[in-house]
Amino acid sequence: MRKVEVQKITKKDLIDMLSNELESVSKKEISQFLSVFSDTVKEMLLSGKEVSITGLGTFKLKHKPKKEMVVGFTGNKVEVPERYTIKFQPSASLKKQLVVE
């Protein structure tokens, strides 16, 4: 397996990459699609639904109850409020591609 150099890809970079692959689709249309897609994923997550994309993975909300933490250098206790985070679980096929041998 090849080594992968980790890079940050912005929405603009993604639009450029997709427009190179989909020559008949304009950058404006790709941008609109990505906006609608991300808004839809957000809405689904916020309504408590999991979003599964075959070959990529599953996005879901994870509940984190409130907890008390101790700040190491001061020893003060701080309460961290209850919250939700987003968890991404890669698909089995993506996991296989991530294995470094």
N, C-alpha and C. Protein backbone atom coordinates (compact mmCIF):
# COMPACT_ATOMS: atom_id res chain seq x y z
N MET A 1 0.84 -1.19 0.00
CA MET A 1 0.00 0.00 0.00
C MET A 1 0.88 1.25 0.00
N ARG A 2 0.41 2.27 -0.67
CA ARG A 2 1.19 3.50 -0.76
C ARG A 2 0.99 4.37 0.47
N LYS A 3 1.98 5.20 0.74
CA LYS A 3 1.87 6.18 1.83
C LYS A 3 0.99 7.32 1.34
N VAL A 4 0.20 7.86 2.23
CA VAL A 4 -0.70 8.96 1.88
C VAL A 4 -0.23 10.20 2.61
N GLU A 5 -0.04 11.28 1.85
CA GLU A 5 0.30 12.56 2.46
C GLU A 5 -1.01 13.25 2.83
N VAL A 6 -1.18 13.56 4.09
CA VAL A 6 -2.42 14.18 4.55
C VAL A 6 -2.40 15.66 4.19
N GLN A 7 -3.45 16.10 3.51
CA GLN A 7 -3.59 17.49 3.09
C GLN A 7 -4.99 17.98 3.43
N LYS A 8 -5.11 19.27 3.65
CA LYS A 8 -6.42 19.86 3.88
C LYS A 8 -7.00 20.25 2.52
N ILE A 9 -8.21 19.79 2.25
CA ILE A 9 -8.91 20.11 1.01
C ILE A 9 -10.09 21.00 1.36
N THR A 10 -10.18 22.15 0.73
CA THR A 10 -11.29 23.06 0.98
C THR A 10 -12.45 22.76 0.03
N LYS A 11 -13.58 23.41 0.29
CA LYS A 11 -14.74 23.23 -0.60
C LYS A 11 -14.37 23.67 -2.02
N LYS A 12 -13.63 24.77 -2.14
CA LYS A 12 -13.21 25.25 -3.45
C LYS A 12 -12.34 24.21 -4.16
N ASP A 13 -11.41 23.59 -3.42
CA ASP A 13 -10.56 22.53 -4.00
C ASP A 13 -11.42 21.37 -4.49
N LEU A 14 -12.40 21.00 -3.68
CA LEU A 14 -13.28 19.88 -4.04
C LEU A 14 -14.09 20.23 -5.29
N ILE A 15 -14.58 21.45 -5.37
CA ILE A 15 -15.31 21.90 -6.56
C ILE A 15 -14.42 21.82 -7.79
N ASP A 16 -13.18 22.27 -7.67
CA ASP A 16 -12.24 22.21 -8.80
C ASP A 16 -11.99 20.76 -9.23
N MET A 17 -11.78 19.87 -8.27
CA MET A 17 -11.53 18.46 -8.59
C MET A 17 -12.73 17.84 -9.29
N LEU A 18 -13.93 18.11 -8.75
CA LEU A 18 -15.13 17.54 -9.35
C LEU A 18 -15.40 18.12 -10.74
N SER A 19 -15.11 19.40 -10.93
CA SER A 19 -15.35 20.00 -12.26
C SER A 19 -14.40 19.41 -13.30
N ASN A 20 -13.21 18.98 -12.88
CA ASN A 20 -12.29 18.31 -13.81
C ASN A 20 -12.81 16.93 -14.21
N GLU A 21 -13.49 16.26 -13.27
CA GLU A 21 -14.04 14.93 -13.54
C GLU A 21 -15.37 15.01 -14.30
N LEU A 22 -16.17 16.03 -13.99
CA LEU A 22 -17.50 16.17 -14.58
C LEU A 22 -17.52 17.40 -15.48
N GLU A 23 -16.91 17.27 -16.62
CA GLU A 23 -16.72 18.43 -17.51
C GLU A 23 -18.02 19.06 -17.98
N SER A 24 -19.11 18.29 -18.02
CA SER A 24 -20.38 18.84 -18.51
C SER A 24 -21.16 19.56 -17.41
N VAL A 25 -20.64 19.55 -16.17
CA VAL A 25 -21.31 20.20 -15.05
C VAL A 25 -20.51 21.43 -14.65
N SER A 26 -21.18 22.56 -14.50
CA SER A 26 -20.48 23.81 -14.17
C SER A 26 -20.06 23.82 -12.71
N LYS A 27 -19.07 24.66 -12.41
CA LYS A 27 -18.61 24.82 -11.02
C LYS A 27 -19.74 25.35 -10.14
N LYS A 28 -20.56 26.22 -10.70
CA LYS A 28 -21.69 26.76 -9.95
C LYS A 28 -22.67 25.65 -9.56
N GLU A 29 -22.95 24.75 -10.49
CA GLU A 29 -23.86 23.63 -10.20
C GLU A 29 -23.25 22.68 -9.16
N ILE A 30 -21.95 22.44 -9.27
CA ILE A 30 -21.28 21.58 -8.29
C ILE A 30 -21.32 22.23 -6.91
N SER A 31 -21.08 23.53 -6.86
CA SER A 31 -21.13 24.26 -5.59
C SER A 31 -22.53 24.19 -4.98
N GLN A 32 -23.55 24.38 -5.81
CA GLN A 32 -24.93 24.29 -5.33
C GLN A 32 -25.23 22.90 -4.81
N PHE A 33 -24.78 21.88 -5.53
CA PHE A 33 -25.00 20.49 -5.09
C PHE A 33 -24.34 20.25 -3.74
N LEU A 34 -23.09 20.67 -3.60
CA LEU A 34 -22.38 20.44 -2.33
C LEU A 34 -23.06 21.16 -1.18
N SER A 35 -23.57 22.36 -1.42
CA SER A 35 -24.28 23.10 -0.38
C SER A 35 -25.56 22.38 0.04
N VAL A 36 -26.34 21.94 -0.95
CA VAL A 36 -27.57 21.21 -0.65
C VAL A 36 -27.25 19.90 0.05
N PHE A 37 -26.23 19.20 -0.42
CA PHE A 37 -25.83 17.92 0.17
C PHE A 37 -25.44 18.12 1.64
N SER A 38 -24.58 19.09 1.92
CA SER A 38 -24.12 19.28 3.30
C SER A 38 -25.27 19.75 4.19
N ASP A 39 -26.15 20.62 3.68
CA ASP A 39 -27.30 21.06 4.46
C ASP A 39 -28.22 19.88 4.78
N THR A 40 -28.41 18.99 3.82
CA THR A 40 -29.27 17.82 4.02
C THR A 40 -28.67 16.88 5.06
N VAL A 41 -27.37 16.64 4.98
CA VAL A 41 -26.70 15.79 5.97
C VAL A 41 -26.84 16.40 7.36
N LYS A 42 -26.62 17.70 7.48
CA LYS A 42 -26.77 18.38 8.78
C LYS A 42 -28.19 18.22 9.32
N GLU A 43 -29.19 18.45 8.46
CA GLU A 43 -30.59 18.32 8.89
C GLU A 43 -30.89 16.91 9.37
N MET A 44 -30.41 15.92 8.64
CA MET A 44 -30.65 14.53 9.03
C MET A 44 -30.01 14.22 10.39
N LEU A 45 -28.76 14.66 10.57
CA LEU A 45 -28.08 14.42 11.84
C LEU A 45 -28.80 15.11 12.99
N LEU A 46 -29.19 16.37 12.79
CA LEU A 46 -29.85 17.12 13.85
C LEU A 46 -31.24 16.58 14.17
N SER A 47 -31.82 15.81 13.25
CA SER A 47 -33.12 15.19 13.53
C SER A 47 -32.95 13.77 14.10
N GLY A 48 -31.70 13.38 14.38
CA GLY A 48 -31.45 12.09 15.02
C GLY A 48 -31.26 10.93 14.07
N LYS A 49 -31.09 11.19 12.79
CA LYS A 49 -30.93 10.12 11.82
C LYS A 49 -29.45 9.91 11.50
N GLU A 50 -29.11 8.67 11.19
CA GLU A 50 -27.76 8.35 10.71
C GLU A 50 -27.74 8.53 9.20
N VAL A 51 -26.59 8.95 8.68
CA VAL A 51 -26.44 9.13 7.24
C VAL A 51 -25.37 8.16 6.76
N SER A 52 -25.77 7.17 5.97
CA SER A 52 -24.85 6.17 5.45
C SER A 52 -24.62 6.38 3.97
N ILE A 53 -23.36 6.44 3.58
CA ILE A 53 -22.99 6.58 2.17
C ILE A 53 -22.14 5.36 1.81
N THR A 54 -22.70 4.50 0.98
CA THR A 54 -22.02 3.26 0.60
C THR A 54 -20.63 3.55 0.05
N GLY A 55 -19.65 2.82 0.54
CA GLY A 55 -18.27 2.99 0.08
C GLY A 55 -17.51 4.06 0.83
N LEU A 56 -18.22 4.91 1.57
CA LEU A 56 -17.56 5.96 2.35
C LEU A 56 -17.70 5.71 3.84
N GLY A 57 -18.93 5.70 4.33
CA GLY A 57 -19.14 5.44 5.75
C GLY A 57 -20.44 6.02 6.26
N THR A 58 -20.55 6.07 7.60
CA THR A 58 -21.77 6.51 8.26
C THR A 58 -21.46 7.66 9.22
N PHE A 59 -22.28 8.70 9.13
CA PHE A 59 -22.22 9.82 10.06
C PHE A 59 -23.36 9.65 11.05
N LYS A 60 -23.08 9.83 12.34
CA LYS A 60 -24.14 9.75 13.34
C LYS A 60 -23.81 10.63 14.54
N LEU A 61 -24.86 10.97 15.28
CA LEU A 61 -24.67 11.76 16.49
C LEU A 61 -24.30 10.84 17.64
N LYS A 62 -23.43 11.32 18.50
CA LYS A 62 -23.07 10.58 19.70
C LYS A 62 -23.32 11.48 20.90
N HIS A 63 -24.08 10.98 21.86
CA HIS A 63 -24.39 11.74 23.06
C HIS A 63 -23.23 11.66 24.05
N LYS A 64 -22.86 12.79 24.59
CA LYS A 64 -21.83 12.84 25.63
C LYS A 64 -22.47 13.49 26.86
N PRO A 65 -22.61 12.73 27.95
CA PRO A 65 -23.22 13.30 29.15
C PRO A 65 -22.31 14.34 29.79
N LYS A 66 -22.90 15.18 30.66
CA LYS A 66 -22.06 16.17 31.33
C LYS A 66 -21.07 15.45 32.23
N LYS A 67 -19.94 16.08 32.45
CA LYS A 67 -18.92 15.48 33.30
C LYS A 67 -18.12 16.58 33.97
N GLU A 68 -17.40 16.19 34.99
CA GLU A 68 -16.55 17.12 35.71
C GLU A 68 -15.10 16.77 35.41
N MET A 69 -14.31 17.79 35.10
CA MET A 69 -12.90 17.56 34.79
C MET A 69 -12.05 18.41 35.73
N VAL A 70 -10.84 17.99 35.92
CA VAL A 70 -9.89 18.75 36.73
C VAL A 70 -8.85 19.35 35.79
N VAL A 71 -8.68 20.67 35.88
CA VAL A 71 -7.66 21.36 35.09
C VAL A 71 -6.32 21.02 35.71
N GLY A 72 -5.46 20.38 34.92
CA GLY A 72 -4.21 19.84 35.44
C GLY A 72 -3.31 20.81 36.19
N PHE A 73 -3.06 21.98 35.63
CA PHE A 73 -2.07 22.86 36.25
C PHE A 73 -2.63 23.69 37.40
N THR A 74 -3.97 23.82 37.52
CA THR A 74 -4.54 24.58 38.63
C THR A 74 -5.22 23.70 39.65
N GLY A 75 -5.66 22.53 39.23
CA GLY A 75 -6.39 21.64 40.13
C GLY A 75 -7.86 22.01 40.27
N ASN A 76 -8.29 23.08 39.58
CA ASN A 76 -9.70 23.49 39.64
C ASN A 76 -10.58 22.51 38.90
N LYS A 77 -11.79 22.32 39.44
CA LYS A 77 -12.76 21.45 38.77
C LYS A 77 -13.61 22.30 37.84
N VAL A 78 -13.84 21.75 36.65
CA VAL A 78 -14.64 22.43 35.63
C VAL A 78 -15.72 21.46 35.17
N GLU A 79 -16.96 21.96 35.06
CA GLU A 79 -18.04 21.12 34.56
C GLU A 79 -18.17 21.29 33.05
N VAL A 80 -18.10 20.17 32.35
CA VAL A 80 -18.28 20.16 30.90
C VAL A 80 -19.74 19.78 30.65
N PRO A 81 -20.51 20.65 29.98
CA PRO A 81 -21.93 20.38 29.81
C PRO A 81 -22.22 19.20 28.88
N GLU A 82 -23.42 18.65 29.03
CA GLU A 82 -23.91 17.60 28.14
C GLU A 82 -23.92 18.14 26.72
N ARG A 83 -23.58 17.26 25.77
CA ARG A 83 -23.55 17.72 24.38
C ARG A 83 -23.62 16.52 23.44
N TYR A 84 -23.75 16.84 22.17
CA TYR A 84 -23.69 15.83 21.12
C TYR A 84 -22.48 16.13 20.24
N THR A 85 -21.86 15.07 19.76
CA THR A 85 -20.78 15.22 18.80
C THR A 85 -21.14 14.38 17.57
N ILE A 86 -20.43 14.60 16.49
CA ILE A 86 -20.66 13.82 15.28
C ILE A 86 -19.57 12.76 15.17
N LYS A 87 -20.00 11.54 14.96
CA LYS A 87 -19.06 10.43 14.81
C LYS A 87 -19.12 9.95 13.36
N PHE A 88 -17.94 9.68 12.79
CA PHE A 88 -17.88 9.11 11.45
C PHE A 88 -17.31 7.71 11.56
N GLN A 89 -18.04 6.75 11.02
CA GLN A 89 -17.60 5.35 11.00
C GLN A 89 -17.32 4.99 9.55
N PRO A 90 -16.04 4.79 9.18
CA PRO A 90 -15.73 4.47 7.78
C PRO A 90 -16.31 3.11 7.38
N SER A 91 -16.63 2.98 6.10
CA SER A 91 -17.14 1.71 5.58
C SER A 91 -16.03 0.65 5.61
N ALA A 92 -16.43 -0.59 5.50
CA ALA A 92 -15.46 -1.70 5.50
C ALA A 92 -14.48 -1.56 4.33
N SER A 93 -14.98 -1.16 3.16
CA SER A 93 -14.09 -1.03 2.01
C SER A 93 -13.09 0.11 2.20
N LEU A 94 -13.51 1.20 2.82
CA LEU A 94 -12.58 2.29 3.10
C LEU A 94 -11.56 1.88 4.15
N LYS A 95 -12.00 1.15 5.17
CA LYS A 95 -11.07 0.66 6.20
C LYS A 95 -9.98 -0.20 5.59
N LYS A 96 -10.36 -1.07 4.64
CA LYS A 96 -9.37 -1.93 3.99
C LYS A 96 -8.32 -1.12 3.26
N GLN A 97 -8.74 -0.02 2.64
CA GLN A 97 -7.80 0.82 1.90
C GLN A 97 -6.87 1.60 2.82
N LEU A 98 -7.26 1.76 4.09
CA LEU A 98 -6.46 2.52 5.04
C LEU A 98 -5.40 1.69 5.75
N VAL A 99 -5.42 0.38 5.56
CA VAL A 99 -4.46 -0.50 6.21
C VAL A 99 -3.08 -0.30 5.58
N VAL A 100 -2.09 -0.02 6.43
CA VAL A 100 -0.72 0.14 5.96
C VAL A 100 0.02 -1.16 6.24
N GLU A 101 0.60 -1.71 5.19
CA GLU A 101 1.32 -2.99 5.34
C GLU A 101 2.81 -2.79 5.28
